[in-house]
Amino acid sequence: MPSALPEGEPAPRDGALPDAALEGRGTRPFGVYVHVPFCTTRCGYCDFNTYTDLGGMQASYAEAVVTELRLARRVLGDGPPVSTVFFGGGTPTLLPPADLARVLRAVDDELGLAPGAEVTTEANPDSVTAESLQQLREAGFTRISFGMQSAVPHVLAALDRTHTPGRPQRAVAEARAAGFEQVSLDLIYGAPGESDEDWRTSLDAALAAEPTHVSAYSLIVEEGTRLGRQVARGEVQVADDDVLADRYLMADEALAGLGWYEVSNWGEPCRHNLTYWQGGDWWGAGPGAHSHVGGVRWWNVKHPTAYVQRLAEGSPAHAREVLSEEDRRVERVLLELRLRTGLSRDLLHDKGIEAAERFVDEGLLTPHEDRLVLTTRGRLLADALVRDLVD
């Protein structure tokens, strides 16, 4: 979750939503995102809303999130049960399993968990043990996503990762032994000093762990991060676009057995992320967390201290925006294009249809009945294609 917050319009202090936003809630999937903003160290490339100096807040953090979930119940009223829950960060597993379990119980108590709900937590490989994983599974967590990033020591060092090579694979095995059927590994390519052989080593190591899901993202140099400053000063160099494209193709070939379902994701789909990509509803709890219900998007104040103070007064929302029908159409084009299920032609205007036909001729899109699906080469150029398709 990026640390920068948009301005938007003032959000009601009681968190109330327009009646129109609550209409039709039962026709859309509904998820809950819980942001846990604590980390032991801050990676140089990280632009997320995380903090390494707030250990004193960790003991009371679960209670703050539970308070926001009670607010969610008052604002949303009756509606569909929660089909997915995702604990992200930060490092959620820096909180004791009992605290994460307490928050999950509050989701069920206040909003109701659907039968078979997907419940995911992110974790660093060195932030869990066999015992803590067992406790999380017993608490109702069904899926876990480990930040592996690389299997090569000097690449891990360049990314400021604290775990040792081999630890992610052991964490996967421990999660399996604890009863997790869904285990994901996150990888990053394009780090300073990474070679093609390094990337191939990381892909091989990830696959050897036999996860059910792999995410592979190119390193993005964010302004304001330590890495961003190092690049600006010329102290380090990162991979150029051609190298990143080659690394993506290497990943797609290596992960073909899992099968891609989103441009940067392979394997059994994360249902929670599909809620985002398919325009569903979700409540984001925690500092800086974003929410969306029925075309209204809002985001909480960023700093944990301010978050707790605002909760005591009502809603922690910093601001919000009410999306127009055109806004929602554009977002659907942006997000659905990235999925293997493709983009509905009905979302395109005349110029977008003309662009789509051109992209089909150029081998960037493939038509499937009334939908348009990116080819492998199209996935490399997805961001550029969107600019023409939304016209």
Protein backbone atom coordinates (compact mmCIF):
# COMPACT_ATOMS: atom_id res chain seq x y z
CA MET A 1 0.00 0.00 0.00
CA PRO A 2 1.75 3.22 -1.16
CA SER A 3 2.43 5.82 1.52
CA ALA A 4 1.28 8.87 -0.45
CA LEU A 5 -2.37 9.80 0.01
CA PRO A 6 -4.46 11.72 -2.56
CA GLU A 7 -6.32 14.83 -1.48
CA GLY A 8 -9.94 14.01 -2.36
CA GLU A 9 -12.91 15.65 -0.69
CA PRO A 10 -13.62 15.74 3.06
CA ALA A 11 -14.94 12.47 4.46
CA PRO A 12 -17.83 12.49 6.96
CA ARG A 13 -16.56 12.21 10.51
CA ASP A 14 -19.04 9.40 11.20
CA GLY A 15 -17.93 7.48 8.09
CA ALA A 16 -21.40 7.52 6.54
CA LEU A 17 -21.76 6.55 2.89
CA PRO A 18 -24.30 7.81 0.34
CA ASP A 19 -27.37 5.58 0.03
CA ALA A 20 -26.51 4.96 -3.63
CA ALA A 21 -23.18 3.40 -2.63
CA LEU A 22 -24.91 0.83 -0.43
CA GLU A 23 -27.40 -0.21 -3.08
CA GLY A 24 -26.61 -3.49 -4.77
CA ARG A 25 -23.96 -4.54 -2.25
CA GLY A 26 -25.16 -8.11 -2.43
CA THR A 27 -24.42 -8.26 -6.16
CA ARG A 28 -20.67 -7.59 -5.72
CA PRO A 29 -17.98 -9.54 -3.87
CA PHE A 30 -17.02 -8.02 -0.53
CA GLY A 31 -13.62 -8.28 1.14
CA VAL A 32 -11.76 -6.81 4.11
CA TYR A 33 -8.17 -5.57 3.97
CA VAL A 34 -6.27 -5.11 7.26
CA HIS A 35 -3.12 -3.01 7.12
CA VAL A 36 -0.42 -3.77 9.70
CA PRO A 37 2.18 -0.99 9.38
CA PHE A 38 5.06 -2.45 11.40
CA CYS A 39 8.43 -3.65 10.08
CA THR A 40 11.72 -4.56 11.76
CA THR A 41 13.71 -2.79 9.01
CA ARG A 42 12.71 -0.62 6.08
CA CYS A 43 13.80 -1.89 2.67
CA GLY A 44 15.45 0.74 0.50
CA TYR A 45 12.94 0.33 -2.34
CA CYS A 46 9.83 0.38 -0.14
CA ASP A 47 7.28 3.17 -0.55
CA PHE A 48 4.59 1.55 1.60
CA ASN A 49 3.08 3.05 4.74
CA THR A 50 5.31 1.21 7.22
CA TYR A 51 7.21 2.13 10.38
CA THR A 52 10.17 0.59 12.20
CA ASP A 53 10.04 2.77 15.35
CA LEU A 54 6.52 2.12 16.66
CA GLY A 55 7.03 -1.10 18.58
CA GLY A 56 5.21 0.42 21.55
CA MET A 57 1.99 0.59 19.51
CA GLN A 58 1.99 -3.07 18.52
CA ALA A 59 0.47 -4.33 21.76
CA SER A 60 -2.67 -2.17 21.34
CA TYR A 61 -2.91 -2.28 17.56
CA ALA A 62 -5.38 -5.17 17.33
CA GLU A 63 -7.83 -3.30 19.55
CA ALA A 64 -7.65 -0.25 17.26
CA VAL A 65 -8.45 -2.34 14.19
CA VAL A 66 -11.33 -4.05 16.02
CA THR A 67 -12.71 -0.59 16.77
CA GLU A 68 -12.67 0.25 13.08
CA LEU A 69 -14.40 -3.02 12.20
CA ARG A 70 -17.20 -2.05 14.60
CA LEU A 71 -17.46 1.23 12.70
CA ALA A 72 -17.68 -0.74 9.45
CA ARG A 73 -20.65 -2.65 10.82
CA ARG A 74 -22.44 0.59 11.72
CA VAL A 75 -21.73 2.18 8.33
CA LEU A 76 -22.49 -0.81 6.12
CA GLY A 77 -25.44 -2.33 7.96
CA ASP A 78 -26.68 -5.65 6.71
CA GLY A 79 -25.10 -6.97 3.55
CA PRO A 80 -23.20 -9.85 2.02
CA PRO A 81 -20.76 -11.74 4.24
CA VAL A 82 -17.03 -11.24 3.81
CA SER A 83 -15.70 -13.59 1.13
CA THR A 84 -12.01 -12.64 1.47
CA VAL A 85 -9.77 -11.14 4.15
CA PHE A 86 -6.21 -9.99 3.47
CA PHE A 87 -3.70 -8.90 6.14
CA GLY A 88 -1.00 -6.80 4.45
CA GLY A 89 1.75 -4.49 5.50
CA GLY A 90 4.27 -3.91 6.66
CA THR A 91 4.76 -7.29 8.20
CA PRO A 92 1.49 -8.55 9.70
CA THR A 93 3.22 -11.50 11.34
CA LEU A 94 5.18 -9.17 13.60
CA LEU A 95 1.95 -9.16 15.61
CA PRO A 96 1.40 -12.23 17.78
CA PRO A 97 -0.84 -14.87 16.18
CA ALA A 98 -3.35 -14.27 18.99
CA ASP A 99 -3.71 -10.62 17.90
CA LEU A 100 -4.21 -11.54 14.24
CA ALA A 101 -6.75 -14.16 15.35
CA ARG A 102 -8.58 -11.53 17.40
CA VAL A 103 -8.91 -9.25 14.40
CA LEU A 104 -10.15 -12.12 12.26
CA ARG A 105 -12.77 -13.00 14.90
CA ALA A 106 -13.91 -9.38 14.85
CA VAL A 107 -14.36 -9.54 11.07
CA ASP A 108 -16.63 -12.53 11.61
CA ASP A 109 -18.44 -11.03 14.61
CA GLU A 110 -19.10 -7.65 13.00
CA LEU A 111 -19.46 -8.43 9.29
CA GLY A 112 -19.73 -12.20 9.02
CA LEU A 113 -17.34 -14.54 7.24
CA ALA A 114 -18.78 -16.46 4.31
CA PRO A 115 -18.38 -20.25 4.32
CA GLY A 116 -15.11 -21.08 2.60
CA ALA A 117 -13.80 -17.52 2.93
CA GLU A 118 -10.22 -16.99 1.79
CA VAL A 119 -8.12 -15.52 4.64
CA THR A 120 -4.59 -14.46 3.68
CA THR A 121 -1.71 -12.95 5.57
CA GLU A 122 1.54 -11.67 4.18
CA ALA A 123 4.68 -12.68 6.04
CA ASN A 124 8.41 -12.33 5.86
CA PRO A 125 10.04 -15.77 5.87
CA ASP A 126 11.93 -14.92 9.07
CA SER A 127 8.86 -13.52 10.86
CA VAL A 128 7.17 -16.90 11.34
CA THR A 129 7.93 -20.21 13.01
CA ALA A 130 6.40 -23.64 12.65
CA GLU A 131 4.49 -22.94 15.87
CA SER A 132 3.17 -19.52 14.83
CA LEU A 133 2.06 -20.90 11.47
CA GLN A 134 0.16 -23.66 13.25
CA GLN A 135 -1.55 -21.04 15.44
CA LEU A 136 -2.54 -18.96 12.43
CA ARG A 137 -3.99 -21.97 10.64
CA GLU A 138 -5.97 -22.95 13.72
CA ALA A 139 -7.29 -19.38 13.94
CA GLY A 140 -8.83 -19.67 10.46
CA PHE A 141 -6.14 -18.36 8.11
CA THR A 142 -6.26 -20.33 4.88
CA ARG A 143 -3.57 -18.72 2.72
CA ILE A 144 -0.13 -17.21 3.33
CA SER A 145 2.11 -15.13 1.08
CA PHE A 146 5.84 -15.03 1.79
CA GLY A 147 8.08 -12.20 0.60
CA MET A 148 10.88 -14.23 -0.92
CA GLN A 149 12.03 -11.59 -3.47
CA SER A 150 15.23 -13.49 -4.42
CA ALA A 151 17.25 -16.62 -3.66
CA VAL A 152 20.63 -14.95 -4.28
CA PRO A 153 22.55 -13.44 -1.32
CA HIS A 154 23.87 -10.30 -3.03
CA VAL A 155 20.41 -9.53 -4.51
CA LEU A 156 18.78 -9.95 -1.09
CA ALA A 157 21.40 -7.56 0.30
CA ALA A 158 20.70 -5.02 -2.45
CA LEU A 159 17.00 -5.19 -1.54
CA ASP A 160 17.75 -4.93 2.23
CA ARG A 161 16.01 -8.24 2.90
CA THR A 162 16.89 -9.82 6.23
CA HIS A 163 16.18 -13.51 5.58
CA THR A 164 18.82 -15.94 4.35
CA PRO A 165 18.61 -17.93 1.11
CA GLY A 166 16.69 -21.14 1.71
CA ARG A 167 14.53 -19.75 4.50
CA PRO A 168 11.51 -19.04 2.21
CA GLN A 169 11.50 -22.64 0.99
CA ARG A 170 11.61 -23.91 4.58
CA ALA A 171 8.79 -21.51 5.51
CA VAL A 172 6.68 -22.93 2.68
CA ALA A 173 7.28 -26.45 4.00
CA GLU A 174 6.35 -25.34 7.54
CA ALA A 175 3.17 -23.70 6.25
CA ARG A 176 2.23 -26.89 4.43
CA ALA A 177 2.85 -28.93 7.58
CA ALA A 178 0.62 -26.52 9.51
CA GLY A 179 -2.23 -27.20 7.08
CA PHE A 180 -2.04 -24.26 4.68
CA GLU A 181 -3.16 -25.49 1.28
CA GLN A 182 -2.57 -22.12 -0.39
CA VAL A 183 1.00 -20.78 -0.19
CA SER A 184 2.35 -17.94 -2.33
CA LEU A 185 5.85 -16.59 -2.95
CA ASP A 186 6.56 -13.00 -4.03
CA LEU A 187 9.58 -12.30 -6.25
CA ILE A 188 11.19 -9.07 -7.49
CA TYR A 189 13.34 -8.80 -10.60
CA GLY A 190 15.59 -6.01 -11.82
CA ALA A 191 17.42 -5.29 -8.55
CA PRO A 192 20.84 -3.57 -8.69
CA GLY A 193 23.49 -6.11 -9.58
CA GLU A 194 21.07 -8.89 -10.51
CA SER A 195 22.02 -10.94 -13.57
CA ASP A 196 19.89 -13.15 -15.78
CA GLU A 197 21.46 -16.16 -14.05
CA ASP A 198 20.58 -14.72 -10.63
CA TRP A 199 16.96 -14.34 -11.72
CA ARG A 200 16.89 -17.86 -13.12
CA THR A 201 18.26 -19.14 -9.79
CA SER A 202 15.47 -17.37 -7.92
CA LEU A 203 12.78 -18.75 -10.21
CA ASP A 204 14.16 -22.28 -9.88
CA ALA A 205 14.31 -21.99 -6.08
CA ALA A 206 10.75 -20.67 -5.89
CA LEU A 207 9.40 -23.49 -8.05
CA ALA A 208 11.34 -26.10 -6.07
CA ALA A 209 9.34 -25.07 -2.99
CA GLU A 210 6.15 -26.04 -4.88
CA PRO A 211 3.99 -23.02 -3.99
CA THR A 212 0.46 -22.79 -5.33
CA HIS A 213 0.99 -19.18 -6.44
CA VAL A 214 3.88 -16.93 -7.46
CA SER A 215 3.91 -13.16 -7.94
CA ALA A 216 6.79 -11.63 -9.90
CA TYR A 217 7.11 -7.85 -10.07
CA SER A 218 9.78 -5.65 -11.60
CA LEU A 219 11.59 -3.39 -9.16
CA ILE A 220 10.12 0.11 -9.26
CA VAL A 221 12.30 2.99 -8.15
CA GLU A 222 10.02 5.22 -6.11
CA GLU A 223 10.82 8.87 -5.51
CA GLY A 224 11.61 9.57 -1.86
CA THR A 225 12.93 6.09 -1.06
CA ARG A 226 16.54 5.37 -0.19
CA LEU A 227 16.93 3.48 -3.46
CA GLY A 228 15.42 6.41 -5.34
CA ARG A 229 18.00 8.75 -3.85
CA GLN A 230 20.84 6.34 -4.63
CA VAL A 231 19.75 6.07 -8.25
CA ALA A 232 19.38 9.85 -8.54
CA ARG A 233 22.94 10.31 -7.26
CA GLY A 234 24.26 7.69 -9.67
CA GLU A 235 25.42 5.43 -6.86
CA VAL A 236 23.55 2.37 -8.15
CA GLN A 237 22.08 1.33 -11.47
CA VAL A 238 18.89 -0.61 -12.02
CA ALA A 239 17.83 -2.66 -15.02
CA ASP A 240 16.49 -0.88 -18.10
CA ASP A 241 13.18 -1.66 -19.78
CA ASP A 242 14.67 -4.16 -22.24
CA VAL A 243 16.27 -6.15 -19.44
CA LEU A 244 13.05 -6.08 -17.43
CA ALA A 245 11.12 -7.36 -20.44
CA ASP A 246 13.58 -10.23 -20.84
CA ARG A 247 13.27 -11.08 -17.15
CA TYR A 248 9.48 -11.08 -17.41
CA LEU A 249 9.62 -13.51 -20.31
CA MET A 250 11.97 -15.72 -18.31
CA ALA A 251 9.45 -15.74 -15.47
CA ASP A 252 6.53 -16.48 -17.75
CA GLU A 253 8.36 -19.42 -19.29
CA ALA A 254 9.48 -20.81 -15.93
CA LEU A 255 6.05 -20.39 -14.34
CA ALA A 256 4.09 -21.71 -17.32
CA GLY A 257 3.12 -24.82 -15.38
CA LEU A 258 1.29 -22.64 -12.85
CA GLY A 259 -0.38 -20.57 -15.58
CA TRP A 260 -0.77 -16.79 -15.56
CA TYR A 261 -4.07 -15.25 -14.48
CA GLU A 262 -2.92 -11.63 -14.09
CA VAL A 263 0.01 -9.93 -15.75
CA SER A 264 2.29 -10.39 -12.72
CA ASN A 265 0.67 -13.42 -11.09
CA TRP A 266 0.70 -17.15 -11.78
CA GLY A 267 -1.03 -20.10 -10.13
CA GLU A 268 -4.23 -20.49 -8.14
CA PRO A 269 -5.74 -16.98 -8.11
CA CYS A 270 -5.78 -14.85 -4.99
CA ARG A 271 -9.52 -14.26 -4.66
CA HIS A 272 -8.98 -11.12 -2.60
CA ASN A 273 -6.92 -9.45 -5.29
CA LEU A 274 -9.51 -10.47 -7.86
CA THR A 275 -12.00 -8.44 -5.81
CA TYR A 276 -9.87 -5.37 -6.55
CA TRP A 277 -9.27 -6.17 -10.20
CA GLN A 278 -12.92 -7.02 -10.91
CA GLY A 279 -14.41 -3.92 -9.29
CA GLY A 280 -15.76 -5.45 -6.07
CA ASP A 281 -16.23 -3.81 -2.67
CA TRP A 282 -13.84 -3.87 0.27
CA TRP A 283 -13.30 -2.18 3.59
CA GLY A 284 -9.67 -1.29 4.33
CA ALA A 285 -8.89 -1.09 8.05
CA GLY A 286 -5.73 0.47 9.44
CA PRO A 287 -3.66 3.63 8.89
CA GLY A 288 -3.53 4.67 5.24
CA ALA A 289 -5.80 1.81 4.15
CA HIS A 290 -8.07 2.42 1.16
CA SER A 291 -11.68 1.24 0.86
CA HIS A 292 -14.23 1.06 -1.93
CA VAL A 293 -17.97 0.50 -1.76
CA GLY A 294 -20.37 1.11 -4.62
CA GLY A 295 -18.28 3.72 -6.43
CA VAL A 296 -17.14 5.59 -3.30
CA ARG A 297 -13.46 5.31 -2.43
CA TRP A 298 -11.96 6.60 0.80
CA TRP A 299 -8.63 6.35 2.60
CA ASN A 300 -7.61 6.57 6.23
CA VAL A 301 -5.14 8.99 7.77
CA LYS A 302 -1.62 7.78 7.26
CA HIS A 303 0.20 7.80 10.60
CA PRO A 304 -0.77 5.17 13.21
CA THR A 305 -0.91 7.74 16.01
CA ALA A 306 -3.29 9.95 14.01
CA TYR A 307 -5.28 6.87 13.07
CA VAL A 308 -5.91 5.95 16.70
CA GLN A 309 -6.83 9.55 17.56
CA ARG A 310 -9.31 9.79 14.68
CA LEU A 311 -10.89 6.47 15.61
CA ALA A 312 -11.61 7.83 19.09
CA GLU A 313 -13.53 10.68 17.44
CA GLY A 314 -15.40 8.62 14.84
CA SER A 315 -14.04 7.66 11.43
CA PRO A 316 -10.30 7.54 10.67
CA ALA A 317 -10.97 8.49 7.03
CA HIS A 318 -8.74 11.26 5.69
CA ALA A 319 -10.71 11.96 2.51
CA ARG A 320 -12.80 10.31 -0.17
CA GLU A 321 -13.92 10.52 -3.79
CA VAL A 322 -17.19 9.61 -5.47
CA LEU A 323 -16.42 8.00 -8.80
CA SER A 324 -18.41 8.94 -11.88
CA GLU A 325 -19.63 6.30 -14.27
CA GLU A 326 -16.80 7.28 -16.62
CA ASP A 327 -14.26 6.96 -13.79
CA ARG A 328 -15.51 3.46 -13.08
CA ARG A 329 -15.42 2.51 -16.76
CA VAL A 330 -11.82 3.68 -17.11
CA GLU A 331 -10.80 1.77 -13.99
CA ARG A 332 -12.41 -1.39 -15.29
CA VAL A 333 -10.46 -1.06 -18.55
CA LEU A 334 -7.22 -0.50 -16.61
CA LEU A 335 -7.73 -3.51 -14.35
CA GLU A 336 -9.64 -6.06 -16.40
CA LEU A 337 -7.16 -5.81 -19.26
CA ARG A 338 -4.52 -7.27 -16.93
CA LEU A 339 -6.53 -10.46 -16.34
CA ARG A 340 -6.40 -13.66 -18.35
CA THR A 341 -10.21 -13.52 -18.54
CA GLY A 342 -9.72 -10.32 -20.53
CA LEU A 343 -11.54 -7.08 -21.13
CA SER A 344 -15.16 -6.79 -22.21
CA ARG A 345 -15.59 -5.02 -25.56
CA ASP A 346 -18.68 -3.32 -24.08
CA LEU A 347 -16.38 -1.15 -21.96
CA LEU A 348 -14.78 0.48 -25.01
CA HIS A 349 -15.86 3.62 -26.84
CA ASP A 350 -15.46 4.03 -30.60
CA LYS A 351 -11.81 5.11 -30.47
CA GLY A 352 -11.04 2.33 -28.01
CA ILE A 353 -12.63 -0.22 -30.32
CA GLU A 354 -10.53 1.07 -33.23
CA ALA A 355 -7.41 0.79 -31.07
CA ALA A 356 -8.37 -2.74 -30.00
CA GLU A 357 -8.77 -3.82 -33.61
CA ARG A 358 -5.34 -2.40 -34.39
CA PHE A 359 -3.81 -4.22 -31.41
CA VAL A 360 -5.38 -7.49 -32.57
CA ASP A 361 -3.79 -7.00 -35.99
CA GLU A 362 -0.44 -6.28 -34.32
CA GLY A 363 -0.60 -9.45 -32.24
CA LEU A 364 -0.99 -7.68 -28.91
CA LEU A 365 -4.57 -8.74 -28.19
CA THR A 366 -6.50 -11.91 -28.92
CA PRO A 367 -10.31 -11.82 -29.29
CA HIS A 368 -12.28 -14.39 -27.31
CA GLU A 369 -15.99 -14.02 -28.09
CA ASP A 370 -16.91 -10.66 -26.55
CA ARG A 371 -13.63 -10.21 -24.66
CA LEU A 372 -10.08 -9.14 -25.48
CA VAL A 373 -7.11 -10.93 -23.93
CA LEU A 374 -3.49 -9.83 -23.89
CA THR A 375 -0.99 -11.95 -25.79
CA THR A 376 2.42 -12.56 -24.23
CA ARG A 377 3.85 -9.58 -26.12
CA GLY A 378 0.77 -7.58 -25.20
CA ARG A 379 1.43 -8.18 -21.52
CA LEU A 380 4.82 -6.50 -21.93
CA LEU A 381 3.09 -3.41 -23.32
CA ALA A 382 -0.13 -3.47 -21.25
CA ASP A 383 0.33 0.01 -19.75
CA ALA A 384 0.84 1.54 -23.20
CA LEU A 385 -2.19 -0.25 -24.65
CA VAL A 386 -4.47 1.05 -21.93
CA ARG A 387 -3.83 4.67 -22.92
CA ASP A 388 -5.45 4.07 -26.32
CA LEU A 389 -8.14 1.68 -25.14
CA VAL A 390 -9.67 4.12 -22.63
CA ASP A 391 -10.31 6.81 -25.30
